[in-house]
Amino acid sequence: WMEDAGLGLMLWEGEFEGVPSQWLRWCDRQGQLIPTGAEGREIERQGREIERQGREIERQGREAERQRAESEHQRAERLAEHLRAIGVNPDEI
């Protein structure tokens, strides 16, 4: 453990650059592995994909709300037409 740097080394079993083995890996004070450059890039890529999916979900939600509002508007127009047909002015109600 390197107190001044807040870094330590730990044994890790896994694959690095295509070679499965037991490796020394950097870790933080909580024992969490510090990602390698490739792992960090993959984490960033996944984060961007999650953000993209979130934006798509928001877009779909806005579109669903727009369609709901349009449907309600059309329903209100049909009701107003029906009232006019029976001699009631919906603007005076």
PDB file of N, CA and C in Angstrom:
ATOM      1  N   TRP A   1       0.849  -1.178   0.000  1.00  0.00           N
ATOM      2  CA  TRP A   1       0.000   0.000   0.000  1.00  0.00           C
ATOM      3  C   TRP A   1       0.890   1.235   0.000  1.00  0.00           C
ATOM      4  N   MET A   2       0.562   2.219  -0.832  1.00  0.00           N
ATOM      5  CA  MET A   2       1.300   3.479  -0.885  1.00  0.00           C
ATOM      6  C   MET A   2       0.375   4.568  -0.349  1.00  0.00           C
ATOM      7  N   GLU A   3       0.527   4.850   0.910  1.00  0.00           N
ATOM      8  CA  GLU A   3      -0.371   5.764   1.615  1.00  0.00           C
ATOM      9  C   GLU A   3      -0.416   7.137   0.968  1.00  0.00           C
ATOM     10  N   ASP A   4       0.747   7.690   0.650  1.00  0.00           N
ATOM     11  CA  ASP A   4       0.792   9.038   0.084  1.00  0.00           C
ATOM     12  C   ASP A   4       0.039   9.131  -1.238  1.00  0.00           C
ATOM     13  N   ALA A   5       0.114   8.093  -2.046  1.00  0.00           N
ATOM     14  CA  ALA A   5      -0.548   8.105  -3.348  1.00  0.00           C
ATOM     15  C   ALA A   5      -1.994   7.638  -3.251  1.00  0.00           C
ATOM     16  N   GLY A   6      -2.355   6.989  -2.140  1.00  0.00           N
ATOM     17  CA  GLY A   6      -3.708   6.451  -2.010  1.00  0.00           C
ATOM     18  C   GLY A   6      -3.941   5.277  -2.946  1.00  0.00           C
ATOM     19  N   LEU A   7      -2.857   4.569  -3.261  1.00  0.00           N
ATOM     20  CA  LEU A   7      -2.940   3.428  -4.173  1.00  0.00           C
ATOM     21  C   LEU A   7      -2.323   2.198  -3.529  1.00  0.00           C
ATOM     22  N   GLY A   8      -2.835   1.058  -3.949  1.00  0.00           N
ATOM     23  CA  GLY A   8      -2.269  -0.201  -3.496  1.00  0.00           C
ATOM     24  C   GLY A   8      -2.212  -1.177  -4.648  1.00  0.00           C
ATOM     25  N   LEU A   9      -1.574  -2.299  -4.383  1.00  0.00           N
ATOM     26  CA  LEU A   9      -1.537  -3.390  -5.350  1.00  0.00           C
ATOM     27  C   LEU A   9      -2.274  -4.573  -4.759  1.00  0.00           C
ATOM     28  N   MET A  10      -2.972  -5.296  -5.610  1.00  0.00           N
ATOM     29  CA  MET A  10      -3.673  -6.489  -5.158  1.00  0.00           C
ATOM     30  C   MET A  10      -3.555  -7.566  -6.232  1.00  0.00           C
ATOM     31  N   LEU A  11      -3.696  -8.801  -5.824  1.00  0.00           N
ATOM     32  CA  LEU A  11      -3.713  -9.891  -6.793  1.00  0.00           C
ATOM     33  C   LEU A  11      -5.078  -9.956  -7.447  1.00  0.00           C
ATOM     34  N   TRP A  12      -5.069 -10.163  -8.732  1.00  0.00           N
ATOM     35  CA  TRP A  12      -6.302 -10.236  -9.513  1.00  0.00           C
ATOM     36  C   TRP A  12      -6.156 -11.357 -10.514  1.00  0.00           C
ATOM     37  N   GLU A  13      -7.157 -12.188 -10.613  1.00  0.00           N
ATOM     38  CA  GLU A  13      -7.133 -13.260 -11.589  1.00  0.00           C
ATOM     39  C   GLU A  13      -8.082 -12.914 -12.707  1.00  0.00           C
ATOM     40  N   GLY A  14      -7.548 -12.893 -13.909  1.00  0.00           N
ATOM     41  CA  GLY A  14      -8.367 -12.552 -15.060  1.00  0.00           C
ATOM     42  C   GLY A  14      -7.521 -12.487 -16.312  1.00  0.00           C
ATOM     43  N   GLU A  15      -8.112 -11.910 -17.338  1.00  0.00           N
ATOM     44  CA  GLU A  15      -7.438 -11.835 -18.625  1.00  0.00           C
ATOM     45  C   GLU A  15      -6.982 -10.404 -18.887  1.00  0.00           C
ATOM     46  N   PHE A  16      -5.719 -10.260 -19.241  1.00  0.00           N
ATOM     47  CA  PHE A  16      -5.162  -8.957 -19.591  1.00  0.00           C
ATOM     48  C   PHE A  16      -4.436  -9.111 -20.921  1.00  0.00           C
ATOM     49  N   GLU A  17      -4.834  -8.287 -21.875  1.00  0.00           N
ATOM     50  CA  GLU A  17      -4.266  -8.317 -23.227  1.00  0.00           C
ATOM     51  C   GLU A  17      -4.277  -9.731 -23.806  1.00  0.00           C
ATOM     52  N   GLY A  18      -5.397 -10.408 -23.550  1.00  0.00           N
ATOM     53  CA  GLY A  18      -5.609 -11.742 -24.123  1.00  0.00           C
ATOM     54  C   GLY A  18      -4.937 -12.872 -23.375  1.00  0.00           C
ATOM     55  N   VAL A  19      -4.304 -12.587 -22.249  1.00  0.00           N
ATOM     56  CA  VAL A  19      -3.588 -13.624 -21.503  1.00  0.00           C
ATOM     57  C   VAL A  19      -4.268 -13.825 -20.147  1.00  0.00           C
ATOM     58  N   PRO A  20      -4.880 -15.011 -19.950  1.00  0.00           N
ATOM     59  CA  PRO A  20      -5.482 -15.285 -18.647  1.00  0.00           C
ATOM     60  C   PRO A  20      -4.383 -15.671 -17.648  1.00  0.00           C
ATOM     61  N   SER A  21      -4.402 -15.060 -16.475  1.00  0.00           N
ATOM     62  CA  SER A  21      -3.393 -15.345 -15.467  1.00  0.00           C
ATOM     63  C   SER A  21      -3.774 -14.641 -14.173  1.00  0.00           C
ATOM     64  N   GLN A  22      -2.869 -14.712 -13.222  1.00  0.00           N
ATOM     65  CA  GLN A  22      -3.016 -13.937 -11.999  1.00  0.00           C
ATOM     66  C   GLN A  22      -2.076 -12.740 -12.140  1.00  0.00           C
ATOM     67  N   TRP A  23      -2.615 -11.554 -11.866  1.00  0.00           N
ATOM     68  CA  TRP A  23      -1.878 -10.321 -12.119  1.00  0.00           C
ATOM     69  C   TRP A  23      -1.875  -9.453 -10.876  1.00  0.00           C
ATOM     70  N   LEU A  24      -0.895  -8.549 -10.814  1.00  0.00           N
ATOM     71  CA  LEU A  24      -0.936  -7.474  -9.837  1.00  0.00           C
ATOM     72  C   LEU A  24      -1.705  -6.331 -10.467  1.00  0.00           C
ATOM     73  N   ARG A  25      -2.663  -5.800  -9.725  1.00  0.00           N
ATOM     74  CA  ARG A  25      -3.468  -4.683 -10.235  1.00  0.00           C
ATOM     75  C   ARG A  25      -3.477  -3.573  -9.209  1.00  0.00           C
ATOM     76  N   TRP A  26      -3.541  -2.331  -9.712  1.00  0.00           N
ATOM     77  CA  TRP A  26      -3.691  -1.172  -8.847  1.00  0.00           C
ATOM     78  C   TRP A  26      -5.101  -1.163  -8.266  1.00  0.00           C
ATOM     79  N   CYS A  27      -5.213  -0.698  -7.038  1.00  0.00           N
ATOM     80  CA  CYS A  27      -6.528  -0.567  -6.409  1.00  0.00           C
ATOM     81  C   CYS A  27      -6.547   0.720  -5.580  1.00  0.00           C
ATOM     82  N   ASP A  28      -7.754   1.152  -5.238  1.00  0.00           N
ATOM     83  CA  ASP A  28      -7.899   2.353  -4.414  1.00  0.00           C
ATOM     84  C   ASP A  28      -7.994   1.957  -2.936  1.00  0.00           C
ATOM     85  N   ARG A  29      -8.252   2.940  -2.077  1.00  0.00           N
ATOM     86  CA  ARG A  29      -8.307   2.698  -0.632  1.00  0.00           C
ATOM     87  C   ARG A  29      -9.388   1.693  -0.241  1.00  0.00           C
ATOM     88  N   GLN A  30     -10.457   1.640  -1.041  1.00  0.00           N
ATOM     89  CA  GLN A  30     -11.555   0.718  -0.741  1.00  0.00           C
ATOM     90  C   GLN A  30     -11.332  -0.667  -1.350  1.00  0.00           C
ATOM     91  N   GLY A  31     -10.191  -0.872  -1.995  1.00  0.00           N
ATOM     92  CA  GLY A  31      -9.901  -2.164  -2.617  1.00  0.00           C
ATOM     93  C   GLY A  31     -10.542  -2.336  -3.984  1.00  0.00           C
ATOM     94  N   GLN A  32     -11.055  -1.246  -4.549  1.00  0.00           N
ATOM     95  CA  GLN A  32     -11.664  -1.304  -5.880  1.00  0.00           C
ATOM     96  C   GLN A  32     -10.563  -1.225  -6.939  1.00  0.00           C
ATOM     97  N   LEU A  33     -10.632  -2.111  -7.910  1.00  0.00           N
ATOM     98  CA  LEU A  33      -9.640  -2.097  -8.985  1.00  0.00           C
ATOM     99  C   LEU A  33      -9.682  -0.777  -9.737  1.00  0.00           C
ATOM    100  N   ILE A  34      -8.533  -0.301 -10.127  1.00  0.00           N
ATOM    101  CA  ILE A  34      -8.455   0.867 -10.995  1.00  0.00           C
ATOM    102  C   ILE A  34      -8.413   0.328 -12.421  1.00  0.00           C
ATOM    103  N   PRO A  35      -9.359   0.748 -13.262  1.00  0.00           N
ATOM    104  CA  PRO A  35      -9.439   0.179 -14.613  1.00  0.00           C
ATOM    105  C   PRO A  35      -8.168   0.426 -15.432  1.00  0.00           C
ATOM    106  N   THR A  36      -7.843  -0.555 -16.253  1.00  0.00           N
ATOM    107  CA  THR A  36      -6.779  -0.362 -17.232  1.00  0.00           C
ATOM    108  C   THR A  36      -7.290   0.613 -18.284  1.00  0.00           C
ATOM    109  N   GLY A  37      -6.417   1.059 -19.168  1.00  0.00           N
ATOM    110  CA  GLY A  37      -6.856   1.976 -20.224  1.00  0.00           C
ATOM    111  C   GLY A  37      -7.987   1.396 -21.047  1.00  0.00           C
ATOM    112  N   ALA A  38      -7.866   0.127 -21.442  1.00  0.00           N
ATOM    113  CA  ALA A  38      -8.909  -0.518 -22.258  1.00  0.00           C
ATOM    114  C   ALA A  38     -10.205  -0.643 -21.468  1.00  0.00           C
ATOM    115  N   GLU A  39     -10.109  -1.007 -20.188  1.00  0.00           N
ATOM    116  CA  GLU A  39     -11.312  -1.118 -19.364  1.00  0.00           C
ATOM    117  C   GLU A  39     -11.969   0.248 -19.192  1.00  0.00           C
ATOM    118  N   GLY A  40     -11.157   1.272 -18.993  1.00  0.00           N
ATOM    119  CA  GLY A  40     -11.693   2.622 -18.845  1.00  0.00           C
ATOM    120  C   GLY A  40     -12.418   3.070 -20.094  1.00  0.00           C
ATOM    121  N   ARG A  41     -11.841   2.773 -21.263  1.00  0.00           N
ATOM    122  CA  ARG A  41     -12.505   3.135 -22.525  1.00  0.00           C
ATOM    123  C   ARG A  41     -13.818   2.381 -22.683  1.00  0.00           C
ATOM    124  N   GLU A  42     -13.850   1.117 -22.275  1.00  0.00           N
ATOM    125  CA  GLU A  42     -15.078   0.329 -22.371  1.00  0.00           C
ATOM    126  C   GLU A  42     -16.137   0.876 -21.419  1.00  0.00           C
ATOM    127  N   ILE A  43     -15.722   1.258 -20.226  1.00  0.00           N
ATOM    128  CA  ILE A  43     -16.661   1.855 -19.265  1.00  0.00           C
ATOM    129  C   ILE A  43     -17.232   3.148 -19.838  1.00  0.00           C
ATOM    130  N   GLU A  44     -16.371   3.974 -20.439  1.00  0.00           N
ATOM    131  CA  GLU A  44     -16.833   5.217 -21.060  1.00  0.00           C
ATOM    132  C   GLU A  44     -17.794   4.930 -22.212  1.00  0.00           C
ATOM    133  N   ARG A  45     -17.479   3.918 -23.029  1.00  0.00           N
ATOM    134  CA  ARG A  45     -18.355   3.559 -24.149  1.00  0.00           C
ATOM    135  C   ARG A  45     -19.722   3.120 -23.627  1.00  0.00           C
ATOM    136  N   GLN A  46     -19.717   2.307 -22.581  1.00  0.00           N
ATOM    137  CA  GLN A  46     -20.980   1.855 -21.996  1.00  0.00           C
ATOM    138  C   GLN A  46     -21.758   3.035 -21.419  1.00  0.00           C
ATOM    139  N   GLY A  47     -21.049   3.963 -20.796  1.00  0.00           N
ATOM    140  CA  GLY A  47     -21.707   5.151 -20.259  1.00  0.00           C
ATOM    141  C   GLY A  47     -22.359   5.975 -21.355  1.00  0.00           C
ATOM    142  N   ARG A  48     -21.658   6.135 -22.472  1.00  0.00           N
ATOM    143  CA  ARG A  48     -22.236   6.879 -23.598  1.00  0.00           C
ATOM    144  C   ARG A  48     -23.466   6.162 -24.156  1.00  0.00           C
ATOM    145  N   GLU A  49     -23.410   4.837 -24.208  1.00  0.00           N
ATOM    146  CA  GLU A  49     -24.550   4.064 -24.714  1.00  0.00           C
ATOM    147  C   GLU A  49     -25.746   4.202 -23.773  1.00  0.00           C
ATOM    148  N   ILE A  50     -25.495   4.167 -22.485  1.00  0.00           N
ATOM    149  CA  ILE A  50     -26.576   4.343 -21.506  1.00  0.00           C
ATOM    150  C   ILE A  50     -27.190   5.727 -21.651  1.00  0.00           C
ATOM    151  N   GLU A  51     -26.355   6.751 -21.823  1.00  0.00           N
ATOM    152  CA  GLU A  51     -26.865   8.111 -22.030  1.00  0.00           C
ATOM    153  C   GLU A  51     -27.692   8.199 -23.304  1.00  0.00           C
ATOM    154  N   ARG A  52     -27.218   7.547 -24.377  1.00  0.00           N
ATOM    155  CA  ARG A  52     -27.951   7.549 -25.648  1.00  0.00           C
ATOM    156  C   ARG A  52     -29.311   6.892 -25.460  1.00  0.00           C
ATOM    157  N   GLN A  53     -29.329   5.761 -24.768  1.00  0.00           N
ATOM    158  CA  GLN A  53     -30.597   5.068 -24.524  1.00  0.00           C
ATOM    159  C   GLN A  53     -31.533   5.929 -23.680  1.00  0.00           C
ATOM    160  N   GLY A  54     -30.978   6.626 -22.701  1.00  0.00           N
ATOM    161  CA  GLY A  54     -31.795   7.518 -21.875  1.00  0.00           C
ATOM    162  C   GLY A  54     -32.420   8.622 -22.705  1.00  0.00           C
ATOM    163  N   ARG A  55     -31.624   9.212 -23.619  1.00  0.00           N
ATOM    164  CA  ARG A  55     -32.168  10.261 -24.489  1.00  0.00           C
ATOM    165  C   ARG A  55     -33.259   9.701 -25.393  1.00  0.00           C
ATOM    166  N   GLU A  56     -33.085   8.475 -25.870  1.00  0.00           N
ATOM    167  CA  GLU A  56     -34.099   7.856 -26.738  1.00  0.00           C
ATOM    168  C   GLU A  56     -35.387   7.601 -25.956  1.00  0.00           C
ATOM    169  N   ILE A  57     -35.252   7.145 -24.730  1.00  0.00           N
ATOM    170  CA  ILE A  57     -36.435   6.914 -23.888  1.00  0.00           C
ATOM    171  C   ILE A  57     -37.161   8.231 -23.637  1.00  0.00           C
ATOM    172  N   GLU A  58     -36.399   9.291 -23.360  1.00  0.00           N
ATOM    173  CA  GLU A  58     -37.018  10.610 -23.164  1.00  0.00           C
ATOM    174  C   GLU A  58     -37.734  11.064 -24.433  1.00  0.00           C
ATOM    175  N   ARG A  59     -37.102  10.857 -25.595  1.00  0.00           N
ATOM    176  CA  ARG A  59     -37.710  11.248 -26.866  1.00  0.00           C
ATOM    177  C   ARG A  59     -39.012  10.481 -27.075  1.00  0.00           C
ATOM    178  N   GLN A  60     -38.984   9.182 -26.805  1.00  0.00           N
ATOM    179  CA  GLN A  60     -40.183   8.371 -26.953  1.00  0.00           C
ATOM    180  C   GLN A  60     -41.281   8.834 -26.007  1.00  0.00           C
ATOM    181  N   GLY A  61     -40.887   9.210 -24.788  1.00  0.00           N
ATOM    182  CA  GLY A  61     -41.872   9.719 -23.834  1.00  0.00           C
ATOM    183  C   GLY A  61     -42.516  11.009 -24.321  1.00  0.00           C
ATOM    184  N   ARG A  62     -41.690  11.908 -24.883  1.00  0.00           N
ATOM    185  CA  ARG A  62     -42.234  13.163 -25.422  1.00  0.00           C
ATOM    186  C   ARG A  62     -43.168  12.874 -26.591  1.00  0.00           C
ATOM    187  N   GLU A  63     -42.796  11.925 -27.439  1.00  0.00           N
ATOM    188  CA  GLU A  63     -43.640  11.585 -28.584  1.00  0.00           C
ATOM    189  C   GLU A  63     -44.958  10.982 -28.114  1.00  0.00           C
ATOM    190  N   ALA A  64     -44.911  10.111 -27.110  1.00  0.00           N
ATOM    191  CA  ALA A  64     -46.142   9.517 -26.571  1.00  0.00           C
ATOM    192  C   ALA A  64     -47.038  10.607 -25.978  1.00  0.00           C
ATOM    193  N   GLU A  65     -46.436  11.569 -25.283  1.00  0.00           N
ATOM    194  CA  GLU A  65     -47.213  12.672 -24.704  1.00  0.00           C
ATOM    195  C   GLU A  65     -47.824  13.527 -25.809  1.00  0.00           C
ATOM    196  N   ARG A  66     -47.060  13.782 -26.868  1.00  0.00           N
ATOM    197  CA  ARG A  66     -47.579  14.555 -27.996  1.00  0.00           C
ATOM    198  C   ARG A  66     -48.767  13.836 -28.631  1.00  0.00           C
ATOM    199  N   GLN A  67     -48.641  12.523 -28.814  1.00  0.00           N
ATOM    200  CA  GLN A  67     -49.736  11.748 -29.405  1.00  0.00           C
ATOM    201  C   GLN A  67     -50.958  11.745 -28.491  1.00  0.00           C
ATOM    202  N   ARG A  68     -50.739  11.640 -27.175  1.00  0.00           N
ATOM    203  CA  ARG A  68     -51.860  11.663 -26.233  1.00  0.00           C
ATOM    204  C   ARG A  68     -52.578  13.013 -26.301  1.00  0.00           C
ATOM    205  N   ALA A  69     -51.795  14.087 -26.345  1.00  0.00           N
ATOM    206  CA  ALA A  69     -52.393  15.426 -26.419  1.00  0.00           C
ATOM    207  C   ALA A  69     -53.160  15.593 -27.722  1.00  0.00           C
ATOM    208  N   GLU A  70     -52.612  15.099 -28.816  1.00  0.00           N
ATOM    209  CA  GLU A  70     -53.304  15.190 -30.110  1.00  0.00           C
ATOM    210  C   GLU A  70     -54.604  14.400 -30.076  1.00  0.00           C
ATOM    211  N   SER A  71     -54.574  13.226 -29.470  1.00  0.00           N
ATOM    212  CA  SER A  71     -55.776  12.406 -29.345  1.00  0.00           C
ATOM    213  C   SER A  71     -56.846  13.120 -28.515  1.00  0.00           C
ATOM    214  N   GLU A  72     -56.430  13.734 -27.411  1.00  0.00           N
ATOM    215  CA  GLU A  72     -57.365  14.474 -26.573  1.00  0.00           C
ATOM    216  C   GLU A  72     -57.941  15.677 -27.329  1.00  0.00           C
ATOM    217  N   HIS A  73     -57.098  16.338 -28.100  1.00  0.00           N
ATOM    218  CA  HIS A  73     -57.562  17.475 -28.897  1.00  0.00           C
ATOM    219  C   HIS A  73     -58.619  17.020 -29.913  1.00  0.00           C
ATOM    220  N   GLN A  74     -58.329  15.904 -30.588  1.00  0.00           N
ATOM    221  CA  GLN A  74     -59.288  15.381 -31.565  1.00  0.00           C
ATOM    222  C   GLN A  74     -60.592  14.980 -30.888  1.00  0.00           C
ATOM    223  N   ARG A  75     -60.494  14.394 -29.708  1.00  0.00           N
ATOM    224  CA  ARG A  75     -61.702  14.000 -28.971  1.00  0.00           C
ATOM    225  C   ARG A  75     -62.521  15.245 -28.614  1.00  0.00           C
ATOM    226  N   ALA A  76     -61.837  16.291 -28.164  1.00  0.00           N
ATOM    227  CA  ALA A  76     -62.530  17.532 -27.810  1.00  0.00           C
ATOM    228  C   ALA A  76     -63.196  18.141 -29.043  1.00  0.00           C
ATOM    229  N   GLU A  77     -62.526  18.092 -30.175  1.00  0.00           N
ATOM    230  CA  GLU A  77     -63.104  18.614 -31.426  1.00  0.00           C
ATOM    231  C   GLU A  77     -64.353  17.826 -31.817  1.00  0.00           C
ATOM    232  N   ARG A  78     -64.306  16.486 -31.693  1.00  0.00           N
ATOM    233  CA  ARG A  78     -65.480  15.661 -32.016  1.00  0.00           C
ATOM    234  C   ARG A  78     -66.644  15.989 -31.091  1.00  0.00           C
ATOM    235  N   LEU A  79     -66.344  16.169 -29.818  1.00  0.00           N
ATOM    236  CA  LEU A  79     -67.383  16.519 -28.854  1.00  0.00           C
ATOM    237  C   LEU A  79     -67.990  17.881 -29.196  1.00  0.00           C
ATOM    238  N   ALA A  80     -67.155  18.843 -29.539  1.00  0.00           N
ATOM    239  CA  ALA A  80     -67.645  20.170 -29.909  1.00  0.00           C
ATOM    240  C   ALA A  80     -68.524  20.079 -31.154  1.00  0.00           C
ATOM    241  N   GLU A  81     -68.123  19.286 -32.140  1.00  0.00           N
ATOM    242  CA  GLU A  81     -68.928  19.107 -33.349  1.00  0.00           C
ATOM    243  C   GLU A  81     -70.286  18.494 -33.016  1.00  0.00           C
ATOM    244  N   HIS A  82     -70.263  17.508 -32.111  1.00  0.00           N
ATOM    245  CA  HIS A  82     -71.521  16.859 -31.713  1.00  0.00           C
ATOM    246  C   HIS A  82     -72.436  17.879 -31.014  1.00  0.00           C
ATOM    247  N   LEU A  83     -71.877  18.682 -30.131  1.00  0.00           N
ATOM    248  CA  LEU A  83     -72.683  19.693 -29.441  1.00  0.00           C
ATOM    249  C   LEU A  83     -73.274  20.689 -30.437  1.00  0.00           C
ATOM    250  N   ARG A  84     -72.476  21.116 -31.401  1.00  0.00           N
ATOM    251  CA  ARG A  84     -72.988  22.042 -32.418  1.00  0.00           C
ATOM    252  C   ARG A  84     -74.121  21.392 -33.205  1.00  0.00           C
ATOM    253  N   ALA A  85     -73.988  20.080 -33.489  1.00  0.00           N
ATOM    254  CA  ALA A  85     -75.002  19.370 -34.269  1.00  0.00           C
ATOM    255  C   ALA A  85     -76.330  19.307 -33.526  1.00  0.00           C
ATOM    256  N   ILE A  86     -76.305  19.326 -32.216  1.00  0.00           N
ATOM    257  CA  ILE A  86     -77.564  19.292 -31.458  1.00  0.00           C
ATOM    258  C   ILE A  86     -77.987  20.689 -30.996  1.00  0.00           C
ATOM    259  N   GLY A  87     -77.295  21.704 -31.534  1.00  0.00           N
ATOM    260  CA  GLY A  87     -77.707  23.075 -31.298  1.00  0.00           C
ATOM    261  C   GLY A  87     -77.088  23.731 -30.074  1.00  0.00           C
ATOM    262  N   VAL A  88     -76.023  23.184 -29.553  1.00  0.00           N
ATOM    263  CA  VAL A  88     -75.370  23.770 -28.391  1.00  0.00           C
ATOM    264  C   VAL A  88     -74.032  24.360 -28.858  1.00  0.00           C
ATOM    265  N   ASN A  89     -73.796  25.611 -28.486  1.00  0.00           N
ATOM    266  CA  ASN A  89     -72.533  26.249 -28.828  1.00  0.00           C
ATOM    267  C   ASN A  89     -71.527  25.933 -27.728  1.00  0.00           C
ATOM    268  N   PRO A  90     -70.508  25.086 -28.006  1.00  0.00           N
ATOM    269  CA  PRO A  90     -69.587  24.688 -26.944  1.00  0.00           C
ATOM    270  C   PRO A  90     -68.746  25.858 -26.419  1.00  0.00           C
ATOM    271  N   ASP A  91     -68.629  26.930 -27.189  1.00  0.00           N
ATOM    272  CA  ASP A  91     -67.857  28.082 -26.726  1.00  0.00           C
ATOM    273  C   ASP A  91     -68.603  28.883 -25.678  1.00  0.00           C
ATOM    274  N   GLU A  92     -69.909  28.643 -25.516  1.00  0.00           N
ATOM    275  CA  GLU A  92     -70.684  29.372 -24.532  1.00  0.00           C
ATOM    276  C   GLU A  92     -70.922  28.570 -23.259  1.00  0.00           C
ATOM    277  N   ILE A  93     -70.386  27.381 -23.200  1.00  0.00           N
ATOM    278  CA  ILE A  93     -70.609  26.530 -22.024  1.00  0.00           C
ATOM    279  C   ILE A  93     -69.575  26.862 -20.960  1.00  0.00           C
TER     280      ILE A  93
END
